[in-house]
Amino acid sequence: STAYADSVKGRFTISKDNAQNTVYLQMNSLKPEDTAVYYCTAGRF
């Protein structure tokens, strides 16, 4: 299951590698409005 903000649908892809305990965010077709500090988080749901 994945979920995306409407503003990034079709441009960003989230994926993960459980063996490496790592989550990724592939960001394509970047726009100036994507400028921000990006934070990773973990939770139950």
All heavy atoms as atom14 arrays in JSON, in Angstrom:
{
  "sequence": "STAYADSVKGRFTISKDNAQNTVYLQMNSLKPEDTAVYYCTAGRF",
  "atom14_mask": [
    [1, 1, 1, 1, 1, 1, 0, 0, 0, 0, 0, 0, 0, 0],
    [1, 1, 1, 1, 1, 1, 1, 0, 0, 0, 0, 0, 0, 0],
    [1, 1, 1, 1, 1, 0, 0, 0, 0, 0, 0, 0, 0, 0],
    [1, 1, 1, 1, 1, 1, 1, 1, 1, 1, 1, 1, 0, 0],
    [1, 1, 1, 1, 1, 0, 0, 0, 0, 0, 0, 0, 0, 0],
    [1, 1, 1, 1, 1, 1, 1, 1, 0, 0, 0, 0, 0, 0],
    [1, 1, 1, 1, 1, 1, 0, 0, 0, 0, 0, 0, 0, 0],
    [1, 1, 1, 1, 1, 1, 1, 0, 0, 0, 0, 0, 0, 0],
    [1, 1, 1, 1, 1, 1, 1, 1, 1, 0, 0, 0, 0, 0],
    [1, 1, 1, 1, 0, 0, 0, 0, 0, 0, 0, 0, 0, 0],
    [1, 1, 1, 1, 1, 1, 1, 1, 1, 1, 1, 0, 0, 0],
    [1, 1, 1, 1, 1, 1, 1, 1, 1, 1, 1, 0, 0, 0],
    [1, 1, 1, 1, 1, 1, 1, 0, 0, 0, 0, 0, 0, 0],
    [1, 1, 1, 1, 1, 1, 1, 1, 0, 0, 0, 0, 0, 0],
    [1, 1, 1, 1, 1, 1, 0, 0, 0, 0, 0, 0, 0, 0],
    [1, 1, 1, 1, 1, 1, 1, 1, 1, 0, 0, 0, 0, 0],
    [1, 1, 1, 1, 1, 1, 1, 1, 0, 0, 0, 0, 0, 0],
    [1, 1, 1, 1, 1, 1, 1, 1, 0, 0, 0, 0, 0, 0],
    [1, 1, 1, 1, 1, 0, 0, 0, 0, 0, 0, 0, 0, 0],
    [1, 1, 1, 1, 1, 1, 1, 1, 1, 0, 0, 0, 0, 0],
    [1, 1, 1, 1, 1, 1, 1, 1, 0, 0, 0, 0, 0, 0],
    [1, 1, 1, 1, 1, 1, 1, 0, 0, 0, 0, 0, 0, 0],
    [1, 1, 1, 1, 1, 1, 1, 0, 0, 0, 0, 0, 0, 0],
    [1, 1, 1, 1, 1, 1, 1, 1, 1, 1, 1, 1, 0, 0],
    [1, 1, 1, 1, 1, 1, 1, 1, 0, 0, 0, 0, 0, 0],
    [1, 1, 1, 1, 1, 1, 1, 1, 1, 0, 0, 0, 0, 0],
    [1, 1, 1, 1, 1, 1, 1, 1, 0, 0, 0, 0, 0, 0],
    [1, 1, 1, 1, 1, 1, 1, 1, 0, 0, 0, 0, 0, 0],
    [1, 1, 1, 1, 1, 1, 0, 0, 0, 0, 0, 0, 0, 0],
    [1, 1, 1, 1, 1, 1, 1, 1, 0, 0, 0, 0, 0, 0],
    [1, 1, 1, 1, 1, 1, 1, 1, 1, 0, 0, 0, 0, 0],
    [1, 1, 1, 1, 1, 1, 1, 0, 0, 0, 0, 0, 0, 0],
    [1, 1, 1, 1, 1, 1, 1, 1, 1, 0, 0, 0, 0, 0],
    [1, 1, 1, 1, 1, 1, 1, 1, 0, 0, 0, 0, 0, 0],
    [1, 1, 1, 1, 1, 1, 1, 0, 0, 0, 0, 0, 0, 0],
    [1, 1, 1, 1, 1, 0, 0, 0, 0, 0, 0, 0, 0, 0],
    [1, 1, 1, 1, 1, 1, 1, 0, 0, 0, 0, 0, 0, 0],
    [1, 1, 1, 1, 1, 1, 1, 1, 1, 1, 1, 1, 0, 0],
    [1, 1, 1, 1, 1, 1, 1, 1, 1, 1, 1, 1, 0, 0],
    [1, 1, 1, 1, 1, 1, 0, 0, 0, 0, 0, 0, 0, 0],
    [1, 1, 1, 1, 1, 1, 1, 0, 0, 0, 0, 0, 0, 0],
    [1, 1, 1, 1, 1, 0, 0, 0, 0, 0, 0, 0, 0, 0],
    [1, 1, 1, 1, 0, 0, 0, 0, 0, 0, 0, 0, 0, 0],
    [1, 1, 1, 1, 1, 1, 1, 1, 1, 1, 1, 0, 0, 0],
    [1, 1, 1, 1, 1, 1, 1, 1, 1, 1, 1, 0, 0, 0]
  ],
  "atom14_positions": [
    [[0.84, -1.19, 0.0], [0.0, 0.0, 0.0], [0.87, 1.24, 0.0], [1.84, 1.32, 0.76], [-0.92, 0.02, 1.22], [-1.81, -1.07, 1.21], [0.0, 0.0, 0.0], [0.0, 0.0, 0.0], [0.0, 0.0, 0.0], [0.0, 0.0, 0.0], [0.0, 0.0, 0.0], [0.0, 0.0, 0.0], [0.0, 0.0, 0.0], [0.0, 0.0, 0.0]],
    [[0.53, 2.19, -0.84], [1.22, 3.47, -0.89], [0.21, 4.59, -0.92], [-0.94, 4.39, -1.29], [2.15, 3.58, -2.1], [1.39, 3.4, -3.3], [3.25, 2.53, -2.05], [0.0, 0.0, 0.0], [0.0, 0.0, 0.0], [0.0, 0.0, 0.0], [0.0, 0.0, 0.0], [0.0, 0.0, 0.0], [0.0, 0.0, 0.0], [0.0, 0.0, 0.0]],
    [[0.65, 5.76, -0.53], [-0.19, 6.94, -0.57], [0.66, 8.13, -0.96], [1.83, 8.23, -0.57], [-0.85, 7.18, 0.79], [0.0, 0.0, 0.0], [0.0, 0.0, 0.0], [0.0, 0.0, 0.0], [0.0, 0.0, 0.0], [0.0, 0.0, 0.0], [0.0, 0.0, 0.0], [0.0, 0.0, 0.0], [0.0, 0.0, 0.0], [0.0, 0.0, 0.0]],
    [[0.07, 9.04, -1.74], [0.79, 10.21, -2.22], [-0.07, 11.45, -2.09], [-1.29, 11.41, -2.24], [1.18, 10.06, -3.68], [2.14, 8.94, -3.97], [1.68, 7.68, -4.34], [3.51, 9.15, -3.88], [2.57, 6.65, -4.61], [4.4, 8.12, -4.15], [3.93, 6.88, -4.51], [4.82, 5.86, -4.77], [0.0, 0.0, 0.0], [0.0, 0.0, 0.0]],
    [[0.59, 12.56, -1.84], [-0.09, 13.84, -1.93], [-0.45, 14.1, -3.39], [0.29, 13.71, -4.3], [0.8, 14.95, -1.4], [0.0, 0.0, 0.0], [0.0, 0.0, 0.0], [0.0, 0.0, 0.0], [0.0, 0.0, 0.0], [0.0, 0.0, 0.0], [0.0, 0.0, 0.0], [0.0, 0.0, 0.0], [0.0, 0.0, 0.0], [0.0, 0.0, 0.0]],
    [[-1.57, 14.77, -3.61], [-1.99, 15.06, -4.98], [-0.92, 15.84, -5.75], [-0.76, 15.65, -6.96], [-3.3, 15.85, -4.97], [-4.5, 15.02, -4.57], [-4.41, 13.78, -4.63], [-5.53, 15.61, -4.2], [0.0, 0.0, 0.0], [0.0, 0.0, 0.0], [0.0, 0.0, 0.0], [0.0, 0.0, 0.0], [0.0, 0.0, 0.0], [0.0, 0.0, 0.0]],
    [[-0.19, 16.68, -5.06], [0.79, 17.53, -5.71], [1.98, 16.77, -6.28], [2.72, 17.31, -7.11], [1.29, 18.6, -4.74], [1.89, 18.01, -3.6], [0.0, 0.0, 0.0], [0.0, 0.0, 0.0], [0.0, 0.0, 0.0], [0.0, 0.0, 0.0], [0.0, 0.0, 0.0], [0.0, 0.0, 0.0], [0.0, 0.0, 0.0], [0.0, 0.0, 0.0]],
    [[2.19, 15.52, -5.84], [3.35, 14.77, -6.3], [2.98, 13.5, -7.05], [3.88, 12.81, -7.57], [4.3, 14.41, -5.13], [4.68, 15.66, -4.35], [3.66, 13.36, -4.21], [0.0, 0.0, 0.0], [0.0, 0.0, 0.0], [0.0, 0.0, 0.0], [0.0, 0.0, 0.0], [0.0, 0.0, 0.0], [0.0, 0.0, 0.0], [0.0, 0.0, 0.0]],
    [[1.7, 13.19, -7.16], [1.28, 11.98, -7.86], [1.76, 12.01, -9.31], [1.65, 13.01, -10.0], [-0.24, 11.84, -7.83], [-0.8, 11.41, -6.49], [-2.31, 11.28, -6.54], [-2.88, 10.83, -5.21], [-4.36, 10.76, -5.23], [0.0, 0.0, 0.0], [0.0, 0.0, 0.0], [0.0, 0.0, 0.0], [0.0, 0.0, 0.0], [0.0, 0.0, 0.0]],
    [[2.31, 10.88, -9.74], [2.82, 10.78, -11.09], [4.25, 11.25, -11.24], [4.87, 11.01, -12.29], [0.0, 0.0, 0.0], [0.0, 0.0, 0.0], [0.0, 0.0, 0.0], [0.0, 0.0, 0.0], [0.0, 0.0, 0.0], [0.0, 0.0, 0.0], [0.0, 0.0, 0.0], [0.0, 0.0, 0.0], [0.0, 0.0, 0.0], [0.0, 0.0, 0.0]],
    [[4.78, 11.93, -10.23], [6.14, 12.42, -10.29], [7.06, 11.76, -9.26], [8.23, 11.53, -9.53], [6.18, 13.94, -10.06], [5.39, 14.73, -11.1], [5.63, 16.23, -10.94], [5.18, 16.73, -9.64], [5.98, 17.31, -8.75], [7.27, 17.49, -9.02], [5.48, 17.75, -7.6], [0.0, 0.0, 0.0], [0.0, 0.0, 0.0], [0.0, 0.0, 0.0]],
    [[6.52, 11.47, -8.08], [7.3, 10.87, -7.01], [6.91, 9.41, -6.83], [5.73, 9.04, -6.99], [7.06, 11.6, -5.68], [7.61, 12.99, -5.6], [8.1, 13.65, -6.73], [7.64, 13.65, -4.38], [8.6, 14.94, -6.64], [8.14, 14.93, -4.28], [8.62, 15.58, -5.41], [0.0, 0.0, 0.0], [0.0, 0.0, 0.0], [0.0, 0.0, 0.0]],
    [[7.87, 8.59, -6.45], [7.61, 7.19, -6.15], [8.3, 6.8, -4.85], [9.51, 7.02, -4.7], [8.12, 6.27, -7.28], [7.5, 6.63, -8.51], [7.79, 4.81, -6.96], [0.0, 0.0, 0.0], [0.0, 0.0, 0.0], [0.0, 0.0, 0.0], [0.0, 0.0, 0.0], [0.0, 0.0, 0.0], [0.0, 0.0, 0.0], [0.0, 0.0, 0.0]],
    [[7.53, 6.24, -3.92], [8.1, 5.78, -2.67], [8.31, 4.27, -2.75], [7.49, 3.55, -3.32], [7.21, 6.15, -1.47], [7.91, 5.84, -0.15], [5.85, 5.46, -1.54], [7.21, 6.42, 1.08], [0.0, 0.0, 0.0], [0.0, 0.0, 0.0], [0.0, 0.0, 0.0], [0.0, 0.0, 0.0], [0.0, 0.0, 0.0], [0.0, 0.0, 0.0]],
    [[9.41, 3.81, -2.2], [9.71, 2.38, -2.17], [10.53, 2.08, -0.94], [10.99, 2.99, -0.25], [10.45, 1.96, -3.44], [11.7, 2.62, -3.55], [0.0, 0.0, 0.0], [0.0, 0.0, 0.0], [0.0, 0.0, 0.0], [0.0, 0.0, 0.0], [0.0, 0.0, 0.0], [0.0, 0.0, 0.0], [0.0, 0.0, 0.0], [0.0, 0.0, 0.0]],
    [[10.71, 0.8, -0.65], [11.49, 0.44, 0.52], [12.21, -0.87, 0.34], [11.83, -1.72, -0.48], [10.58, 0.4, 1.76], [9.57, -0.74, 1.79], [8.43, -0.44, 2.77], [8.91, -0.16, 4.17], [9.29, -1.41, 4.89], [0.0, 0.0, 0.0], [0.0, 0.0, 0.0], [0.0, 0.0, 0.0], [0.0, 0.0, 0.0], [0.0, 0.0, 0.0]],
    [[13.25, -1.03, 1.11], [14.04, -2.25, 1.15], [14.09, -2.67, 2.6], [14.86, -2.13, 3.39], [15.44, -2.01, 0.59], [16.28, -3.27, 0.54], [15.95, -4.25, 1.22], [17.27, -3.27, -0.2], [0.0, 0.0, 0.0], [0.0, 0.0, 0.0], [0.0, 0.0, 0.0], [0.0, 0.0, 0.0], [0.0, 0.0, 0.0], [0.0, 0.0, 0.0]],
    [[13.24, -3.62, 2.96], [13.15, -4.03, 4.36], [14.44, -4.65, 4.87], [14.79, -4.5, 6.04], [11.99, -5.0, 4.55], [10.64, -4.33, 4.45], [10.53, -3.11, 4.56], [9.6, -5.12, 4.25], [0.0, 0.0, 0.0], [0.0, 0.0, 0.0], [0.0, 0.0, 0.0], [0.0, 0.0, 0.0], [0.0, 0.0, 0.0], [0.0, 0.0, 0.0]],
    [[15.14, -5.35, 4.0], [16.4, -5.98, 4.4], [17.43, -4.94, 4.82], [18.25, -5.19, 5.7], [16.94, -6.85, 3.28], [0.0, 0.0, 0.0], [0.0, 0.0, 0.0], [0.0, 0.0, 0.0], [0.0, 0.0, 0.0], [0.0, 0.0, 0.0], [0.0, 0.0, 0.0], [0.0, 0.0, 0.0], [0.0, 0.0, 0.0], [0.0, 0.0, 0.0]],
    [[17.38, -3.77, 4.19], [18.31, -2.69, 4.5], [17.7, -1.66, 5.44], [18.38, -0.68, 5.79], [18.77, -2.0, 3.22], [19.57, -2.9, 2.29], [20.89, -3.33, 2.91], [21.57, -2.53, 3.56], [21.26, -4.58, 2.71], [0.0, 0.0, 0.0], [0.0, 0.0, 0.0], [0.0, 0.0, 0.0], [0.0, 0.0, 0.0], [0.0, 0.0, 0.0]],
    [[16.45, -1.87, 5.84], [15.76, -0.93, 6.73], [15.8, 0.48, 6.17], [16.07, 1.45, 6.9], [16.39, -0.96, 8.12], [15.38, -1.24, 9.22], [14.27, -1.71, 8.97], [15.76, -0.93, 10.45], [0.0, 0.0, 0.0], [0.0, 0.0, 0.0], [0.0, 0.0, 0.0], [0.0, 0.0, 0.0], [0.0, 0.0, 0.0], [0.0, 0.0, 0.0]],
    [[15.52, 0.59, 4.89], [15.65, 1.86, 4.2], [14.41, 2.13, 3.34], [13.88, 1.23, 2.7], [16.89, 1.87, 3.3], [18.06, 1.63, 4.1], [17.05, 3.21, 2.6], [0.0, 0.0, 0.0], [0.0, 0.0, 0.0], [0.0, 0.0, 0.0], [0.0, 0.0, 0.0], [0.0, 0.0, 0.0], [0.0, 0.0, 0.0], [0.0, 0.0, 0.0]],
    [[13.96, 3.38, 3.35], [12.87, 3.81, 2.49], [13.42, 4.87, 1.54], [14.28, 5.67, 1.91], [11.68, 4.33, 3.31], [12.06, 5.56, 4.13], [10.5, 4.63, 2.4], [0.0, 0.0, 0.0], [0.0, 0.0, 0.0], [0.0, 0.0, 0.0], [0.0, 0.0, 0.0], [0.0, 0.0, 0.0], [0.0, 0.0, 0.0], [0.0, 0.0, 0.0]],
    [[12.91, 4.87, 0.31], [13.39, 5.78, -0.72], [12.26, 6.65, -1.24], [11.09, 6.29, -1.18], [13.98, 4.99, -1.89], [15.11, 4.07, -1.51], [14.87, 2.74, -1.2], [16.41, 4.54, -1.46], [15.9, 1.89, -0.86], [17.45, 3.69, -1.11], [17.19, 2.37, -0.81], [18.23, 1.53, -0.46], [0.0, 0.0, 0.0], [0.0, 0.0, 0.0]],
    [[12.63, 7.78, -1.77], [11.69, 8.64, -2.47], [12.35, 9.09, -3.77], [13.27, 9.92, -3.74], [11.29, 9.85, -1.62], [10.21, 10.75, -2.22], [8.87, 10.01, -2.26], [10.07, 12.04, -1.43], [0.0, 0.0, 0.0], [0.0, 0.0, 0.0], [0.0, 0.0, 0.0], [0.0, 0.0, 0.0], [0.0, 0.0, 0.0], [0.0, 0.0, 0.0]],
    [[11.89, 8.53, -4.87], [12.37, 8.95, -6.18], [11.54, 10.13, -6.63], [10.32, 10.03, -6.74], [12.24, 7.8, -7.19], [12.68, 8.17, -8.6], [14.16, 8.45, -8.7], [14.97, 7.69, -8.17], [14.52, 9.54, -9.35], [0.0, 0.0, 0.0], [0.0, 0.0, 0.0], [0.0, 0.0, 0.0], [0.0, 0.0, 0.0], [0.0, 0.0, 0.0]],
    [[12.18, 11.25, -6.89], [11.5, 12.48, -7.25], [11.89, 12.87, -8.66], [13.06, 13.18, -8.92], [11.84, 13.6, -6.27], [11.57, 13.24, -4.81], [11.82, 14.64, -3.69], [13.59, 14.86, -3.87], [0.0, 0.0, 0.0], [0.0, 0.0, 0.0], [0.0, 0.0, 0.0], [0.0, 0.0, 0.0], [0.0, 0.0, 0.0], [0.0, 0.0, 0.0]],
    [[10.94, 12.84, -9.57], [11.16, 13.21, -10.96], [10.37, 14.47, -11.3], [9.44, 14.84, -10.59], [10.74, 12.07, -11.89], [11.53, 10.81, -11.67], [12.72, 10.84, -11.34], [10.88, 9.66, -11.87], [0.0, 0.0, 0.0], [0.0, 0.0, 0.0], [0.0, 0.0, 0.0], [0.0, 0.0, 0.0], [0.0, 0.0, 0.0], [0.0, 0.0, 0.0]],
    [[10.74, 15.08, -12.4], [10.05, 16.29, -12.88], [9.89, 17.31, -11.77], [8.82, 17.86, -11.55], [8.69, 15.9, -13.47], [8.82, 14.98, -14.53], [0.0, 0.0, 0.0], [0.0, 0.0, 0.0], [0.0, 0.0, 0.0], [0.0, 0.0, 0.0], [0.0, 0.0, 0.0], [0.0, 0.0, 0.0], [0.0, 0.0, 0.0], [0.0, 0.0, 0.0]],
    [[10.97, 17.57, -11.08], [10.92, 18.46, -9.93], [10.55, 19.88, -10.32], [10.93, 20.37, -11.38], [12.25, 18.44, -9.19], [12.47, 17.2, -8.33], [13.94, 17.03, -7.98], [11.63, 17.29, -7.06], [0.0, 0.0, 0.0], [0.0, 0.0, 0.0], [0.0, 0.0, 0.0], [0.0, 0.0, 0.0], [0.0, 0.0, 0.0], [0.0, 0.0, 0.0]],
    [[9.8, 20.51, -9.44], [9.34, 21.88, -9.62], [9.87, 22.75, -8.5], [10.15, 22.27, -7.41], [7.8, 21.93, -9.61], [7.13, 21.01, -10.61], [5.62, 21.03, -10.41], [4.93, 20.12, -11.39], [3.45, 20.11, -11.2], [0.0, 0.0, 0.0], [0.0, 0.0, 0.0], [0.0, 0.0, 0.0], [0.0, 0.0, 0.0], [0.0, 0.0, 0.0]],
    [[9.99, 24.06, -8.73], [10.44, 24.94, -7.66], [9.61, 24.82, -6.39], [10.15, 24.96, -5.29], [10.32, 26.34, -8.28], [10.54, 26.1, -9.73], [9.86, 24.79, -10.01], [0.0, 0.0, 0.0], [0.0, 0.0, 0.0], [0.0, 0.0, 0.0], [0.0, 0.0, 0.0], [0.0, 0.0, 0.0], [0.0, 0.0, 0.0], [0.0, 0.0, 0.0]],
    [[8.32, 24.56, -6.53], [7.46, 24.42, -5.36], [7.73, 23.16, -4.55], [7.17, 22.99, -3.47], [5.98, 24.48, -5.75], [5.61, 23.59, -6.91], [5.58, 24.33, -8.24], [6.54, 25.07, -8.52], [4.6, 24.18, -9.0], [0.0, 0.0, 0.0], [0.0, 0.0, 0.0], [0.0, 0.0, 0.0], [0.0, 0.0, 0.0], [0.0, 0.0, 0.0]],
    [[8.58, 22.27, -5.06], [9.01, 21.11, -4.29], [10.12, 21.45, -3.31], [10.51, 20.6, -2.49], [9.49, 19.99, -5.22], [8.38, 19.43, -6.09], [7.25, 19.24, -5.58], [8.64, 19.17, -7.28], [0.0, 0.0, 0.0], [0.0, 0.0, 0.0], [0.0, 0.0, 0.0], [0.0, 0.0, 0.0], [0.0, 0.0, 0.0], [0.0, 0.0, 0.0]],
    [[10.65, 22.65, -3.4], [11.73, 23.07, -2.51], [11.26, 23.02, -1.06], [10.26, 23.64, -0.7], [12.2, 24.48, -2.86], [12.78, 24.48, -4.17], [13.24, 24.97, -1.87], [0.0, 0.0, 0.0], [0.0, 0.0, 0.0], [0.0, 0.0, 0.0], [0.0, 0.0, 0.0], [0.0, 0.0, 0.0], [0.0, 0.0, 0.0], [0.0, 0.0, 0.0]],
    [[11.99, 22.29, -0.24], [11.62, 22.12, 1.17], [12.66, 21.25, 1.85], [13.53, 20.66, 1.2], [10.24, 21.45, 1.29], [0.0, 0.0, 0.0], [0.0, 0.0, 0.0], [0.0, 0.0, 0.0], [0.0, 0.0, 0.0], [0.0, 0.0, 0.0], [0.0, 0.0, 0.0], [0.0, 0.0, 0.0], [0.0, 0.0, 0.0], [0.0, 0.0, 0.0]],
    [[12.56, 21.18, 3.16], [13.29, 20.17, 3.91], [12.41, 18.93, 3.97], [11.25, 19.01, 4.37], [13.65, 20.64, 5.33], [14.34, 19.53, 6.1], [14.54, 21.88, 5.27], [0.0, 0.0, 0.0], [0.0, 0.0, 0.0], [0.0, 0.0, 0.0], [0.0, 0.0, 0.0], [0.0, 0.0, 0.0], [0.0, 0.0, 0.0], [0.0, 0.0, 0.0]],
    [[12.95, 17.81, 3.57], [12.2, 16.56, 3.53], [12.57, 15.7, 4.73], [13.75, 15.47, 5.0], [12.49, 15.8, 2.23], [11.77, 16.39, 1.04], [12.15, 17.63, 0.53], [10.71, 15.73, 0.44], [11.47, 18.19, -0.54], [10.04, 16.28, -0.63], [10.42, 17.51, -1.12], [9.75, 18.05, -2.19], [0.0, 0.0, 0.0], [0.0, 0.0, 0.0]],
    [[11.54, 15.24, 5.43], [11.72, 14.46, 6.65], [11.15, 13.06, 6.48], [10.06, 12.89, 5.93], [11.01, 15.13, 7.83], [11.55, 16.48, 8.21], [11.0, 17.64, 7.68], [12.61, 16.59, 9.1], [11.5, 18.88, 8.03], [13.11, 17.83, 9.45], [12.55, 18.97, 8.92], [13.04, 20.21, 9.28], [0.0, 0.0, 0.0], [0.0, 0.0, 0.0]],
    [[11.87, 12.1, 6.98], [11.43, 10.72, 7.0], [10.78, 10.41, 8.35], [11.21, 10.93, 9.39], [12.63, 9.8, 6.78], [12.31, 8.03, 6.91], [0.0, 0.0, 0.0], [0.0, 0.0, 0.0], [0.0, 0.0, 0.0], [0.0, 0.0, 0.0], [0.0, 0.0, 0.0], [0.0, 0.0, 0.0], [0.0, 0.0, 0.0], [0.0, 0.0, 0.0]],
    [[9.75, 9.57, 8.34], [9.09, 9.19, 9.58], [8.68, 7.72, 9.53], [8.54, 7.14, 8.45], [7.87, 10.08, 9.85], [7.35, 9.79, 11.16], [6.77, 9.82, 8.82], [0.0, 0.0, 0.0], [0.0, 0.0, 0.0], [0.0, 0.0, 0.0], [0.0, 0.0, 0.0], [0.0, 0.0, 0.0], [0.0, 0.0, 0.0], [0.0, 0.0, 0.0]],
    [[8.48, 7.15, 10.71], [8.03, 5.77, 10.84], [6.92, 5.71, 11.87], [7.01, 6.35, 12.93], [9.17, 4.85, 11.24], [0.0, 0.0, 0.0], [0.0, 0.0, 0.0], [0.0, 0.0, 0.0], [0.0, 0.0, 0.0], [0.0, 0.0, 0.0], [0.0, 0.0, 0.0], [0.0, 0.0, 0.0], [0.0, 0.0, 0.0], [0.0, 0.0, 0.0]],
    [[5.88, 4.95, 11.58], [4.77, 4.79, 12.49], [4.02, 3.51, 12.18], [4.34, 2.8, 11.23], [0.0, 0.0, 0.0], [0.0, 0.0, 0.0], [0.0, 0.0, 0.0], [0.0, 0.0, 0.0], [0.0, 0.0, 0.0], [0.0, 0.0, 0.0], [0.0, 0.0, 0.0], [0.0, 0.0, 0.0], [0.0, 0.0, 0.0], [0.0, 0.0, 0.0]],
    [[3.0, 3.24, 12.99], [2.31, 1.97, 12.85], [1.45, 1.9, 11.59], [1.31, 0.83, 11.0], [1.45, 1.71, 14.08], [2.23, 1.1, 15.24], [2.81, -0.23, 14.81], [3.55, -0.88, 15.88], [4.23, -2.0, 15.74], [4.24, -2.62, 14.56], [4.88, -2.52, 16.76], [0.0, 0.0, 0.0], [0.0, 0.0, 0.0], [0.0, 0.0, 0.0]],
    [[0.9, 3.03, 11.16], [-0.01, 3.02, 10.03], [0.25, 4.21, 9.12], [0.65, 5.29, 9.58], [-1.48, 3.06, 10.5], [-1.81, 2.03, 11.52], [-1.87, 2.36, 12.87], [-2.07, 0.73, 11.15], [-2.18, 1.4, 13.82], [-2.38, -0.24, 12.09], [-2.43, 0.1, 13.43], [0.0, 0.0, 0.0], [0.0, 0.0, 0.0], [0.0, 0.0, 0.0]]
  ]
}
